[in-house]
Amino acid sequence: MISFARAHRRGPRTSRYWTDVAPAERPYHRIMRSGGLEVVPPARPIRVPGTSMAGFRARGPEPLEMRMVPHPSVTLAVELTPGALHVDDPTGRRRGNLVAGLAFRDLWARGRGVEALQVRLSPPAAYAVLGTAPAGLSGAVVALDDLWGSDAARVQERLVGAGSWQERFALAELLLARRYGEGRRVHPEVARAWERIVRSRGRIRVEGLAADVGWSRKRLWSRFRAQIGISPVRAARLVRFHDAAHRLAAGLGPARAAADSGYFDQSHLHRDVRAFSGVTPAALAGEPFLAVDDVAWPGQAPPVTPPQGCGPPTSTSS
């Protein structure tokens, strides 16, 4: 995945969103000023291709309530405080260990005393790790138990019993590496098409993708949709929206964010923001979920907060 990471200096960090946790033995922990959400990334990049993860703990006295903004990854969430987290979408409320497919909409995470480990999987990685094609997950939220069976409960039990976040990350990495190694692979041509879309930040002319990978358009569109979950056109729109959303959250106006993200004009950006998030660009700019990305998934989108303070190693997963 294209990296937007910037160099960080050592020292305490504060911003309009974040305050570093002070004790030296807890490196990289940051607490969101609004709502007291603590976010902990791994101390090193995850070695499973297309995979990144982070830990979340709601520390504040008020319940967690956060709108989830669509992004070009499949999301896997394992509860570490069973029963505390629930997610709401237009189809209802769900609890437990969950998987959210690409291009979800109007999805909210809520709860009190929530603690969870979240994994982001690129669609090619999700195809191998989850044991199902992302096509069945597009826009949906499903129980991890439905995909992994009793393995989901065993994974949760081991993660709950771990002594630290870094131990949890190591355990999760071992599990994901095993499932990735044993899982199915997307066709190399599909993986190459996805990578080209991501590296171009959604600006690629998708009409030329088929020729680039050596397939007919009909064959690529069919295999891509079956193995990634959405069409190449929608994938490019989602990746471009992800880029623009972070530019808006960083303080750019809609016209500048539209130009920098490759939209024809501001109205084009407005239509895509509405289509993916259900809100206006101005409302999207204030969503705390986007600021989480700087800490949890560094380098995967334009930074929202200033590049000052210490930070974790850059993630390069795609």
C-alpha atoms as a PDB file:
ATOM      1  CA  MET A   1       0.000   0.000   0.000  1.00  0.00           C
ATOM      2  CA  ILE A   2       1.198   3.506  -0.741  1.00  0.00           C
ATOM      3  CA  SER A   3       2.696   5.077   2.391  1.00  0.00           C
ATOM      4  CA  PHE A   4       1.978   8.588   3.603  1.00  0.00           C
ATOM      5  CA  ALA A   5       4.080   8.245   6.767  1.00  0.00           C
ATOM      6  CA  ARG A   6       6.216  11.190   7.844  1.00  0.00           C
ATOM      7  CA  ALA A   7       9.279  11.230  10.071  1.00  0.00           C
ATOM      8  CA  HIS A   8       8.551  11.531  13.795  1.00  0.00           C
ATOM      9  CA  ARG A   9      10.707  12.992  16.504  1.00  0.00           C
ATOM     10  CA  ARG A  10      10.923  11.559  20.004  1.00  0.00           C
ATOM     11  CA  GLY A  11       9.032  13.351  22.714  1.00  0.00           C
ATOM     12  CA  PRO A  12       5.531  13.884  24.049  1.00  0.00           C
ATOM     13  CA  ARG A  13       2.785  14.466  21.569  1.00  0.00           C
ATOM     14  CA  THR A  14      -0.432  16.370  21.842  1.00  0.00           C
ATOM     15  CA  SER A  15      -2.887  17.430  19.174  1.00  0.00           C
ATOM     16  CA  ARG A  16      -6.507  18.422  18.901  1.00  0.00           C
ATOM     17  CA  TYR A  17      -7.267  14.685  19.008  1.00  0.00           C
ATOM     18  CA  TRP A  18      -4.513  12.903  20.932  1.00  0.00           C
ATOM     19  CA  THR A  19      -2.405  12.877  24.072  1.00  0.00           C
ATOM     20  CA  ASP A  20       0.445  10.390  24.514  1.00  0.00           C
ATOM     21  CA  VAL A  21       0.331   8.075  27.503  1.00  0.00           C
ATOM     22  CA  ALA A  22       3.223   9.200  29.681  1.00  0.00           C
ATOM     23  CA  PRO A  23       4.895   6.073  31.149  1.00  0.00           C
ATOM     24  CA  ALA A  24       7.911   4.969  29.128  1.00  0.00           C
ATOM     25  CA  GLU A  25       7.005   1.306  29.518  1.00  0.00           C
ATOM     26  CA  ARG A  26       3.881   1.907  27.418  1.00  0.00           C
ATOM     27  CA  PRO A  27       5.326   3.145  24.119  1.00  0.00           C
ATOM     28  CA  TYR A  28       3.038   4.383  21.364  1.00  0.00           C
ATOM     29  CA  HIS A  29      -0.138   4.368  23.469  1.00  0.00           C
ATOM     30  CA  ARG A  30      -2.270   7.395  22.684  1.00  0.00           C
ATOM     31  CA  ILE A  31      -5.547   8.527  24.176  1.00  0.00           C
ATOM     32  CA  MET A  32      -8.129  10.392  22.142  1.00  0.00           C
ATOM     33  CA  ARG A  33      -8.992  13.595  23.971  1.00  0.00           C
ATOM     34  CA  SER A  34     -12.684  13.287  23.136  1.00  0.00           C
ATOM     35  CA  GLY A  35     -14.116  10.127  24.657  1.00  0.00           C
ATOM     36  CA  GLY A  36     -10.910   8.767  26.185  1.00  0.00           C
ATOM     37  CA  LEU A  37     -10.306   6.141  23.501  1.00  0.00           C
ATOM     38  CA  GLU A  38      -6.874   4.560  23.973  1.00  0.00           C
ATOM     39  CA  VAL A  39      -5.272   3.236  20.784  1.00  0.00           C
ATOM     40  CA  VAL A  40      -2.262   0.917  20.780  1.00  0.00           C
ATOM     41  CA  PRO A  41      -0.499  -0.174  17.569  1.00  0.00           C
ATOM     42  CA  PRO A  42       2.038  -3.023  17.452  1.00  0.00           C
ATOM     43  CA  ALA A  43       5.645  -2.145  18.248  1.00  0.00           C
ATOM     44  CA  ARG A  44       6.670  -3.502  14.831  1.00  0.00           C
ATOM     45  CA  PRO A  45       4.913  -4.060  11.494  1.00  0.00           C
ATOM     46  CA  ILE A  46       2.838  -7.229  11.137  1.00  0.00           C
ATOM     47  CA  ARG A  47       4.536  -9.745   8.854  1.00  0.00           C
ATOM     48  CA  VAL A  48       1.399 -11.276   7.353  1.00  0.00           C
ATOM     49  CA  PRO A  49       0.914  -9.764   3.871  1.00  0.00           C
ATOM     50  CA  GLY A  50      -1.943  -7.292   3.604  1.00  0.00           C
ATOM     51  CA  THR A  51      -2.549  -7.286   7.357  1.00  0.00           C
ATOM     52  CA  SER A  52      -2.377  -4.650  10.083  1.00  0.00           C
ATOM     53  CA  MET A  53      -3.836  -4.497  13.584  1.00  0.00           C
ATOM     54  CA  ALA A  54      -4.319  -2.265  16.613  1.00  0.00           C
ATOM     55  CA  GLY A  55      -5.741  -2.419  20.113  1.00  0.00           C
ATOM     56  CA  PHE A  56      -8.556  -0.205  21.381  1.00  0.00           C
ATOM     57  CA  ARG A  57      -9.760   0.515  24.911  1.00  0.00           C
ATOM     58  CA  ALA A  58     -12.513   2.978  25.881  1.00  0.00           C
ATOM     59  CA  ARG A  59     -11.218   4.569  29.085  1.00  0.00           C
ATOM     60  CA  GLY A  60     -13.555   7.510  29.558  1.00  0.00           C
ATOM     61  CA  PRO A  61     -16.606   7.702  31.809  1.00  0.00           C
ATOM     62  CA  GLU A  62     -18.887   8.229  28.820  1.00  0.00           C
ATOM     63  CA  PRO A  63     -19.861   5.316  26.557  1.00  0.00           C
ATOM     64  CA  LEU A  64     -18.071   4.921  23.243  1.00  0.00           C
ATOM     65  CA  GLU A  65     -20.079   6.111  20.250  1.00  0.00           C
ATOM     66  CA  MET A  66     -18.191   6.364  16.984  1.00  0.00           C
ATOM     67  CA  ARG A  67     -19.269   6.423  13.370  1.00  0.00           C
ATOM     68  CA  MET A  68     -17.192   4.010  11.298  1.00  0.00           C
ATOM     69  CA  VAL A  69     -15.980   5.516   8.027  1.00  0.00           C
ATOM     70  CA  PRO A  70     -15.625   3.123   5.039  1.00  0.00           C
ATOM     71  CA  HIS A  71     -12.077   2.232   4.051  1.00  0.00           C
ATOM     72  CA  PRO A  72     -10.478  -0.172   1.519  1.00  0.00           C
ATOM     73  CA  SER A  73     -10.012  -3.067   3.964  1.00  0.00           C
ATOM     74  CA  VAL A  74     -12.064  -5.865   5.468  1.00  0.00           C
ATOM     75  CA  THR A  75     -12.302  -5.332   9.239  1.00  0.00           C
ATOM     76  CA  LEU A  76     -12.128  -8.070  11.859  1.00  0.00           C
ATOM     77  CA  ALA A  77     -12.841  -7.161  15.508  1.00  0.00           C
ATOM     78  CA  VAL A  78     -12.265  -9.489  18.476  1.00  0.00           C
ATOM     79  CA  GLU A  79     -13.873  -8.439  21.756  1.00  0.00           C
ATOM     80  CA  LEU A  80     -11.639  -8.567  24.825  1.00  0.00           C
ATOM     81  CA  THR A  81     -14.443  -7.477  27.181  1.00  0.00           C
ATOM     82  CA  PRO A  82     -17.219  -9.825  25.999  1.00  0.00           C
ATOM     83  CA  GLY A  83     -20.601  -8.162  25.754  1.00  0.00           C
ATOM     84  CA  ALA A  84     -19.321  -4.592  26.040  1.00  0.00           C
ATOM     85  CA  LEU A  85     -19.168  -3.773  22.314  1.00  0.00           C
ATOM     86  CA  HIS A  86     -22.034  -3.645  19.881  1.00  0.00           C
ATOM     87  CA  VAL A  87     -22.316  -2.297  16.370  1.00  0.00           C
ATOM     88  CA  ASP A  88     -25.387  -0.848  14.722  1.00  0.00           C
ATOM     89  CA  ASP A  89     -26.129  -0.606  11.033  1.00  0.00           C
ATOM     90  CA  PRO A  90     -29.355  -0.258   9.027  1.00  0.00           C
ATOM     91  CA  THR A  91     -30.065  -3.989   9.445  1.00  0.00           C
ATOM     92  CA  GLY A  92     -29.904  -3.988  13.248  1.00  0.00           C
ATOM     93  CA  ARG A  93     -27.578  -4.461  16.225  1.00  0.00           C
ATOM     94  CA  ARG A  94     -24.824  -7.075  16.552  1.00  0.00           C
ATOM     95  CA  ARG A  95     -22.560  -8.115  19.391  1.00  0.00           C
ATOM     96  CA  GLY A  96     -19.529 -10.361  19.708  1.00  0.00           C
ATOM     97  CA  ASN A  97     -16.605 -10.911  17.378  1.00  0.00           C
ATOM     98  CA  LEU A  98     -17.450  -9.349  14.037  1.00  0.00           C
ATOM     99  CA  VAL A  99     -16.283  -8.931  10.453  1.00  0.00           C
ATOM    100  CA  ALA A 100     -17.234  -5.887   8.350  1.00  0.00           C
ATOM    101  CA  GLY A 101     -16.907  -6.127   4.590  1.00  0.00           C
ATOM    102  CA  LEU A 102     -15.889  -3.439   2.122  1.00  0.00           C
ATOM    103  CA  ALA A 103     -18.024  -0.341   1.591  1.00  0.00           C
ATOM    104  CA  PHE A 104     -20.205  -0.654   4.691  1.00  0.00           C
ATOM    105  CA  ARG A 105     -22.430   2.346   5.397  1.00  0.00           C
ATOM    106  CA  ASP A 106     -24.039   3.949   8.436  1.00  0.00           C
ATOM    107  CA  LEU A 107     -22.121   1.692  10.821  1.00  0.00           C
ATOM    108  CA  TRP A 108     -21.639   2.745  14.460  1.00  0.00           C
ATOM    109  CA  ALA A 109     -19.517   1.221  17.216  1.00  0.00           C
ATOM    110  CA  ARG A 110     -20.981   1.684  20.686  1.00  0.00           C
ATOM    111  CA  GLY A 111     -20.420   0.421  24.202  1.00  0.00           C
ATOM    112  CA  ARG A 112     -19.025   1.133  27.640  1.00  0.00           C
ATOM    113  CA  GLY A 113     -15.691  -0.221  28.895  1.00  0.00           C
ATOM    114  CA  VAL A 114     -14.954  -1.584  25.435  1.00  0.00           C
ATOM    115  CA  GLU A 115     -11.646  -3.318  24.779  1.00  0.00           C
ATOM    116  CA  ALA A 116     -11.016  -4.937  21.411  1.00  0.00           C
ATOM    117  CA  LEU A 117      -8.343  -5.983  18.967  1.00  0.00           C
ATOM    118  CA  GLN A 118      -9.063  -4.871  15.434  1.00  0.00           C
ATOM    119  CA  VAL A 119      -7.462  -6.312  12.299  1.00  0.00           C
ATOM    120  CA  ARG A 120      -7.566  -4.740   8.858  1.00  0.00           C
ATOM    121  CA  LEU A 121      -7.187  -7.099   5.941  1.00  0.00           C
ATOM    122  CA  SER A 122      -6.666  -6.136   2.326  1.00  0.00           C
ATOM    123  CA  PRO A 123      -9.267  -7.975   0.227  1.00  0.00           C
ATOM    124  CA  PRO A 124      -6.664 -10.434  -1.163  1.00  0.00           C
ATOM    125  CA  ALA A 125      -5.559 -11.219   2.409  1.00  0.00           C
ATOM    126  CA  ALA A 126      -9.169 -11.507   3.593  1.00  0.00           C
ATOM    127  CA  TYR A 127      -9.819 -14.086   0.868  1.00  0.00           C
ATOM    128  CA  ALA A 128      -7.163 -16.314   2.456  1.00  0.00           C
ATOM    129  CA  VAL A 129      -7.578 -15.505   6.167  1.00  0.00           C
ATOM    130  CA  LEU A 130     -11.353 -15.549   6.523  1.00  0.00           C
ATOM    131  CA  GLY A 131     -11.975 -18.666   4.461  1.00  0.00           C
ATOM    132  CA  THR A 132     -14.616 -16.958   2.358  1.00  0.00           C
ATOM    133  CA  ALA A 133     -14.667 -14.624  -0.606  1.00  0.00           C
ATOM    134  CA  PRO A 134     -15.145 -10.961   0.349  1.00  0.00           C
ATOM    135  CA  ALA A 135     -17.979 -10.878  -2.212  1.00  0.00           C
ATOM    136  CA  GLY A 136     -20.210 -12.400   0.458  1.00  0.00           C
ATOM    137  CA  LEU A 137     -19.230  -9.659   2.906  1.00  0.00           C
ATOM    138  CA  SER A 138     -19.568  -6.562   0.730  1.00  0.00           C
ATOM    139  CA  GLY A 139     -21.330  -3.867   2.726  1.00  0.00           C
ATOM    140  CA  ALA A 140     -22.266  -6.388   5.421  1.00  0.00           C
ATOM    141  CA  VAL A 141     -21.377  -7.119   9.039  1.00  0.00           C
ATOM    142  CA  VAL A 142     -21.262 -10.807  10.019  1.00  0.00           C
ATOM    143  CA  ALA A 143     -20.290 -12.788  13.108  1.00  0.00           C
ATOM    144  CA  LEU A 144     -16.758 -14.162  13.062  1.00  0.00           C
ATOM    145  CA  ASP A 145     -18.208 -17.396  14.466  1.00  0.00           C
ATOM    146  CA  ASP A 146     -20.097 -17.846  11.187  1.00  0.00           C
ATOM    147  CA  LEU A 147     -16.786 -17.849   9.312  1.00  0.00           C
ATOM    148  CA  TRP A 148     -14.399 -19.557  11.751  1.00  0.00           C
ATOM    149  CA  GLY A 149     -16.799 -21.666  13.807  1.00  0.00           C
ATOM    150  CA  SER A 150     -15.481 -22.655  17.237  1.00  0.00           C
ATOM    151  CA  ASP A 151     -12.030 -21.272  16.343  1.00  0.00           C
ATOM    152  CA  ALA A 152     -13.407 -17.764  16.897  1.00  0.00           C
ATOM    153  CA  ALA A 153     -14.148 -18.448  20.587  1.00  0.00           C
ATOM    154  CA  ARG A 154     -10.758 -20.122  21.101  1.00  0.00           C
ATOM    155  CA  VAL A 155      -8.953 -17.147  19.569  1.00  0.00           C
ATOM    156  CA  GLN A 156     -10.907 -14.755  21.774  1.00  0.00           C
ATOM    157  CA  GLU A 157     -10.080 -16.776  24.906  1.00  0.00           C
ATOM    158  CA  ARG A 158      -6.355 -16.734  24.158  1.00  0.00           C
ATOM    159  CA  LEU A 159      -6.310 -13.010  23.420  1.00  0.00           C
ATOM    160  CA  VAL A 160      -8.255 -12.176  26.576  1.00  0.00           C
ATOM    161  CA  GLY A 161      -5.758 -14.202  28.619  1.00  0.00           C
ATOM    162  CA  ALA A 162      -2.672 -12.515  27.161  1.00  0.00           C
ATOM    163  CA  GLY A 163      -0.676 -10.329  29.526  1.00  0.00           C
ATOM    164  CA  SER A 164      -0.141  -7.285  27.294  1.00  0.00           C
ATOM    165  CA  TRP A 165      -1.151  -5.739  24.008  1.00  0.00           C
ATOM    166  CA  GLN A 166       2.128  -6.749  22.404  1.00  0.00           C
ATOM    167  CA  GLU A 167       1.548 -10.362  23.459  1.00  0.00           C
ATOM    168  CA  ARG A 168      -1.918 -10.181  21.938  1.00  0.00           C
ATOM    169  CA  PHE A 169      -0.508  -8.852  18.688  1.00  0.00           C
ATOM    170  CA  ALA A 170       2.054 -11.681  18.588  1.00  0.00           C
ATOM    171  CA  LEU A 171      -0.645 -14.305  19.187  1.00  0.00           C
ATOM    172  CA  ALA A 172      -2.931 -12.784  16.569  1.00  0.00           C
ATOM    173  CA  GLU A 173      -0.073 -12.617  14.073  1.00  0.00           C
ATOM    174  CA  LEU A 174       0.679 -16.333  14.523  1.00  0.00           C
ATOM    175  CA  LEU A 175      -2.961 -17.241  13.991  1.00  0.00           C
ATOM    176  CA  LEU A 176      -3.347 -15.017  10.943  1.00  0.00           C
ATOM    177  CA  ALA A 177      -0.075 -16.299   9.452  1.00  0.00           C
ATOM    178  CA  ARG A 178      -1.312 -19.882   9.788  1.00  0.00           C
ATOM    179  CA  ARG A 179      -4.674 -19.142   8.221  1.00  0.00           C
ATOM    180  CA  TYR A 180      -3.040 -17.075   5.477  1.00  0.00           C
ATOM    181  CA  GLY A 181      -0.609 -19.898   4.705  1.00  0.00           C
ATOM    182  CA  GLU A 182      -3.394 -22.474   4.515  1.00  0.00           C
ATOM    183  CA  GLY A 183      -5.948 -20.272   2.776  1.00  0.00           C
ATOM    184  CA  ARG A 184      -6.923 -19.794  -0.823  1.00  0.00           C
ATOM    185  CA  ARG A 185      -5.303 -17.121  -2.976  1.00  0.00           C
ATOM    186  CA  VAL A 186      -6.950 -14.685  -5.319  1.00  0.00           C
ATOM    187  CA  HIS A 187      -5.802 -14.963  -8.905  1.00  0.00           C
ATOM    188  CA  PRO A 188      -2.479 -13.127  -9.392  1.00  0.00           C
ATOM    189  CA  GLU A 189      -4.137 -10.946 -12.017  1.00  0.00           C
ATOM    190  CA  VAL A 190      -6.832  -9.896  -9.526  1.00  0.00           C
ATOM    191  CA  ALA A 191      -4.220  -9.177  -6.852  1.00  0.00           C
ATOM    192  CA  ARG A 192      -2.224  -7.103  -9.333  1.00  0.00           C
ATOM    193  CA  ALA A 193      -5.306  -5.126 -10.363  1.00  0.00           C
ATOM    194  CA  TRP A 194      -6.152  -4.394  -6.706  1.00  0.00           C
ATOM    195  CA  GLU A 195      -2.584  -3.309  -5.980  1.00  0.00           C
ATOM    196  CA  ARG A 196      -2.580  -0.957  -8.959  1.00  0.00           C
ATOM    197  CA  ILE A 197      -5.829   0.643  -7.784  1.00  0.00           C
ATOM    198  CA  VAL A 198      -4.438   1.141  -4.270  1.00  0.00           C
ATOM    199  CA  ARG A 199      -1.066   2.468  -5.405  1.00  0.00           C
ATOM    200  CA  SER A 200      -2.760   4.997  -7.693  1.00  0.00           C
ATOM    201  CA  ARG A 201      -4.986   6.085  -4.757  1.00  0.00           C
ATOM    202  CA  GLY A 202      -7.976   5.272  -6.942  1.00  0.00           C
ATOM    203  CA  ARG A 203      -6.903   7.512  -9.809  1.00  0.00           C
ATOM    204  CA  ILE A 204      -6.179   4.754 -12.307  1.00  0.00           C
ATOM    205  CA  ARG A 205      -8.285   4.419 -15.447  1.00  0.00           C
ATOM    206  CA  VAL A 206      -9.935   1.107 -14.706  1.00  0.00           C
ATOM    207  CA  GLU A 207     -10.716   0.536 -18.373  1.00  0.00           C
ATOM    208  CA  GLY A 208      -7.030  -0.197 -18.891  1.00  0.00           C
ATOM    209  CA  LEU A 209      -6.656  -2.643 -16.013  1.00  0.00           C
ATOM    210  CA  ALA A 210      -7.671  -5.680 -18.042  1.00  0.00           C
ATOM    211  CA  ALA A 211      -5.066  -4.982 -20.704  1.00  0.00           C
ATOM    212  CA  ASP A 212      -2.464  -4.358 -17.998  1.00  0.00           C
ATOM    213  CA  VAL A 213      -3.002  -7.791 -16.430  1.00  0.00           C
ATOM    214  CA  GLY A 214      -3.505  -9.623 -19.736  1.00  0.00           C
ATOM    215  CA  TRP A 215      -7.173 -10.557 -19.336  1.00  0.00           C
ATOM    216  CA  SER A 216     -10.340  -9.575 -21.138  1.00  0.00           C
ATOM    217  CA  ARG A 217     -12.422  -6.915 -19.440  1.00  0.00           C
ATOM    218  CA  LYS A 218     -15.283  -9.359 -18.877  1.00  0.00           C
ATOM    219  CA  ARG A 219     -13.031 -11.926 -17.234  1.00  0.00           C
ATOM    220  CA  LEU A 220     -11.293  -9.424 -14.951  1.00  0.00           C
ATOM    221  CA  TRP A 221     -14.559  -7.770 -13.863  1.00  0.00           C
ATOM    222  CA  SER A 222     -16.101 -11.163 -13.073  1.00  0.00           C
ATOM    223  CA  ARG A 223     -13.108 -12.539 -11.129  1.00  0.00           C
ATOM    224  CA  PHE A 224     -12.408  -9.240  -9.387  1.00  0.00           C
ATOM    225  CA  ARG A 225     -15.976  -8.918  -8.112  1.00  0.00           C
ATOM    226  CA  ALA A 226     -16.048 -12.560  -6.977  1.00  0.00           C
ATOM    227  CA  GLN A 227     -12.698 -12.446  -5.162  1.00  0.00           C
ATOM    228  CA  ILE A 228     -12.516  -8.822  -3.954  1.00  0.00           C
ATOM    229  CA  GLY A 229     -16.199  -8.231  -3.319  1.00  0.00           C
ATOM    230  CA  ILE A 230     -16.832  -5.134  -5.418  1.00  0.00           C
ATOM    231  CA  SER A 231     -16.173  -4.105  -9.017  1.00  0.00           C
ATOM    232  CA  PRO A 232     -12.902  -2.429 -10.081  1.00  0.00           C
ATOM    233  CA  VAL A 233     -14.809   0.819 -10.612  1.00  0.00           C
ATOM    234  CA  ARG A 234     -16.264   0.798  -7.096  1.00  0.00           C
ATOM    235  CA  ALA A 235     -12.904  -0.237  -5.665  1.00  0.00           C
ATOM    236  CA  ALA A 236     -11.239   2.777  -7.264  1.00  0.00           C
ATOM    237  CA  ARG A 237     -13.992   5.054  -5.932  1.00  0.00           C
ATOM    238  CA  LEU A 238     -13.595   3.627  -2.410  1.00  0.00           C
ATOM    239  CA  VAL A 239      -9.809   4.076  -2.413  1.00  0.00           C
ATOM    240  CA  ARG A 240     -10.114   7.645  -3.715  1.00  0.00           C
ATOM    241  CA  PHE A 241     -12.794   8.440  -1.116  1.00  0.00           C
ATOM    242  CA  HIS A 242     -10.493   7.083   1.629  1.00  0.00           C
ATOM    243  CA  ASP A 243      -7.758   9.449   0.469  1.00  0.00           C
ATOM    244  CA  ALA A 244     -10.069  12.458   0.261  1.00  0.00           C
ATOM    245  CA  ALA A 245     -11.700  11.777   3.641  1.00  0.00           C
ATOM    246  CA  HIS A 246      -8.352  12.065   5.411  1.00  0.00           C
ATOM    247  CA  ARG A 247      -7.476  15.262   3.567  1.00  0.00           C
ATOM    248  CA  LEU A 248     -10.785  16.744   4.716  1.00  0.00           C
ATOM    249  CA  ALA A 249     -10.114  15.623   8.300  1.00  0.00           C
ATOM    250  CA  ALA A 250      -6.663  17.220   8.118  1.00  0.00           C
ATOM    251  CA  GLY A 251      -8.311  20.591   7.528  1.00  0.00           C
ATOM    252  CA  LEU A 252      -8.303  20.976   3.750  1.00  0.00           C
ATOM    253  CA  GLY A 253     -11.368  22.603   2.250  1.00  0.00           C
ATOM    254  CA  PRO A 254     -13.561  20.500  -0.078  1.00  0.00           C
ATOM    255  CA  ALA A 255     -12.248  22.182  -3.234  1.00  0.00           C
ATOM    256  CA  ARG A 256      -8.597  21.557  -2.326  1.00  0.00           C
ATOM    257  CA  ALA A 257      -9.291  18.002  -1.085  1.00  0.00           C
ATOM    258  CA  ALA A 258     -11.150  17.256  -4.313  1.00  0.00           C
ATOM    259  CA  ALA A 259      -8.280  18.520  -6.458  1.00  0.00           C
ATOM    260  CA  ASP A 260      -5.598  16.723  -4.432  1.00  0.00           C
ATOM    261  CA  SER A 261      -7.521  13.430  -4.514  1.00  0.00           C
ATOM    262  CA  GLY A 262      -8.171  13.481  -8.251  1.00  0.00           C
ATOM    263  CA  TYR A 263     -11.857  14.418  -8.376  1.00  0.00           C
ATOM    264  CA  PHE A 264     -13.192  16.419 -11.299  1.00  0.00           C
ATOM    265  CA  ASP A 265     -14.540  19.108  -8.993  1.00  0.00           C
ATOM    266  CA  GLN A 266     -16.018  19.746  -5.561  1.00  0.00           C
ATOM    267  CA  SER A 267     -19.477  18.453  -6.504  1.00  0.00           C
ATOM    268  CA  HIS A 268     -17.918  15.166  -7.651  1.00  0.00           C
ATOM    269  CA  LEU A 269     -16.288  14.800  -4.220  1.00  0.00           C
ATOM    270  CA  HIS A 270     -19.557  15.699  -2.493  1.00  0.00           C
ATOM    271  CA  ARG A 271     -21.414  12.938  -4.350  1.00  0.00           C
ATOM    272  CA  ASP A 272     -18.864  10.281  -3.404  1.00  0.00           C
ATOM    273  CA  VAL A 273     -18.707  11.392   0.241  1.00  0.00           C
ATOM    274  CA  ARG A 274     -22.496  11.183   0.437  1.00  0.00           C
ATOM    275  CA  ALA A 275     -22.524   7.805  -1.318  1.00  0.00           C
ATOM    276  CA  PHE A 276     -19.958   6.173   0.980  1.00  0.00           C
ATOM    277  CA  SER A 277     -20.532   7.892   4.318  1.00  0.00           C
ATOM    278  CA  GLY A 278     -24.043   9.310   4.170  1.00  0.00           C
ATOM    279  CA  VAL A 279     -22.869  12.732   5.409  1.00  0.00           C
ATOM    280  CA  THR A 280     -21.546  15.947   3.889  1.00  0.00           C
ATOM    281  CA  PRO A 281     -17.807  16.657   3.446  1.00  0.00           C
ATOM    282  CA  ALA A 282     -17.987  19.169   6.319  1.00  0.00           C
ATOM    283  CA  ALA A 283     -19.507  16.580   8.668  1.00  0.00           C
ATOM    284  CA  LEU A 284     -17.085  13.899   7.542  1.00  0.00           C
ATOM    285  CA  ALA A 285     -14.116  16.161   8.299  1.00  0.00           C
ATOM    286  CA  GLY A 286     -15.001  16.126  11.987  1.00  0.00           C
ATOM    287  CA  GLU A 287     -15.328  12.360  12.397  1.00  0.00           C
ATOM    288  CA  PRO A 288     -12.912  11.137  15.138  1.00  0.00           C
ATOM    289  CA  PHE A 289     -12.675   7.750  13.384  1.00  0.00           C
ATOM    290  CA  LEU A 290     -10.396   9.309  10.750  1.00  0.00           C
ATOM    291  CA  ALA A 291      -7.954  10.622  13.368  1.00  0.00           C
ATOM    292  CA  VAL A 292      -7.641   7.077  14.755  1.00  0.00           C
ATOM    293  CA  ASP A 293      -5.961   6.053  11.500  1.00  0.00           C
ATOM    294  CA  ASP A 294      -2.853   8.155  12.214  1.00  0.00           C
ATOM    295  CA  VAL A 295      -2.144   6.046  15.290  1.00  0.00           C
ATOM    296  CA  ALA A 296      -3.678   2.664  14.483  1.00  0.00           C
ATOM    297  CA  TRP A 297      -2.804   2.397  10.792  1.00  0.00           C
ATOM    298  CA  PRO A 298       0.084   4.825  10.150  1.00  0.00           C
ATOM    299  CA  GLY A 299       1.098   5.382   6.562  1.00  0.00           C
ATOM    300  CA  GLN A 300      -2.103   4.031   5.003  1.00  0.00           C
ATOM    301  CA  ALA A 301      -3.690   7.442   4.321  1.00  0.00           C
ATOM    302  CA  PRO A 302      -2.715  11.120   4.355  1.00  0.00           C
ATOM    303  CA  PRO A 303      -2.062  12.083   8.004  1.00  0.00           C
ATOM    304  CA  VAL A 304      -4.818  13.887   9.881  1.00  0.00           C
ATOM    305  CA  THR A 305      -2.719  15.157  12.807  1.00  0.00           C
ATOM    306  CA  PRO A 306       0.617  17.025  12.672  1.00  0.00           C
ATOM    307  CA  PRO A 307       3.757  14.850  12.304  1.00  0.00           C
ATOM    308  CA  GLN A 308       5.144  15.743  15.725  1.00  0.00           C
ATOM    309  CA  GLY A 309       5.780  13.373  18.610  1.00  0.00           C
ATOM    310  CA  CYS A 310       6.869   9.759  18.693  1.00  0.00           C
ATOM    311  CA  GLY A 311       5.188   7.145  16.575  1.00  0.00           C
ATOM    312  CA  PRO A 312       5.206   3.466  15.841  1.00  0.00           C
ATOM    313  CA  PRO A 313       7.016   1.832  12.954  1.00  0.00           C
ATOM    314  CA  THR A 314       5.466   2.551   9.595  1.00  0.00           C
ATOM    315  CA  SER A 315       3.000  -0.059   8.354  1.00  0.00           C
ATOM    316  CA  THR A 316       3.479  -1.015   4.738  1.00  0.00           C
ATOM    317  CA  SER A 317       0.735  -3.597   4.410  1.00  0.00           C
ATOM    318  CA  SER A 318      -1.481  -3.388   1.373  1.00  0.00           C
END
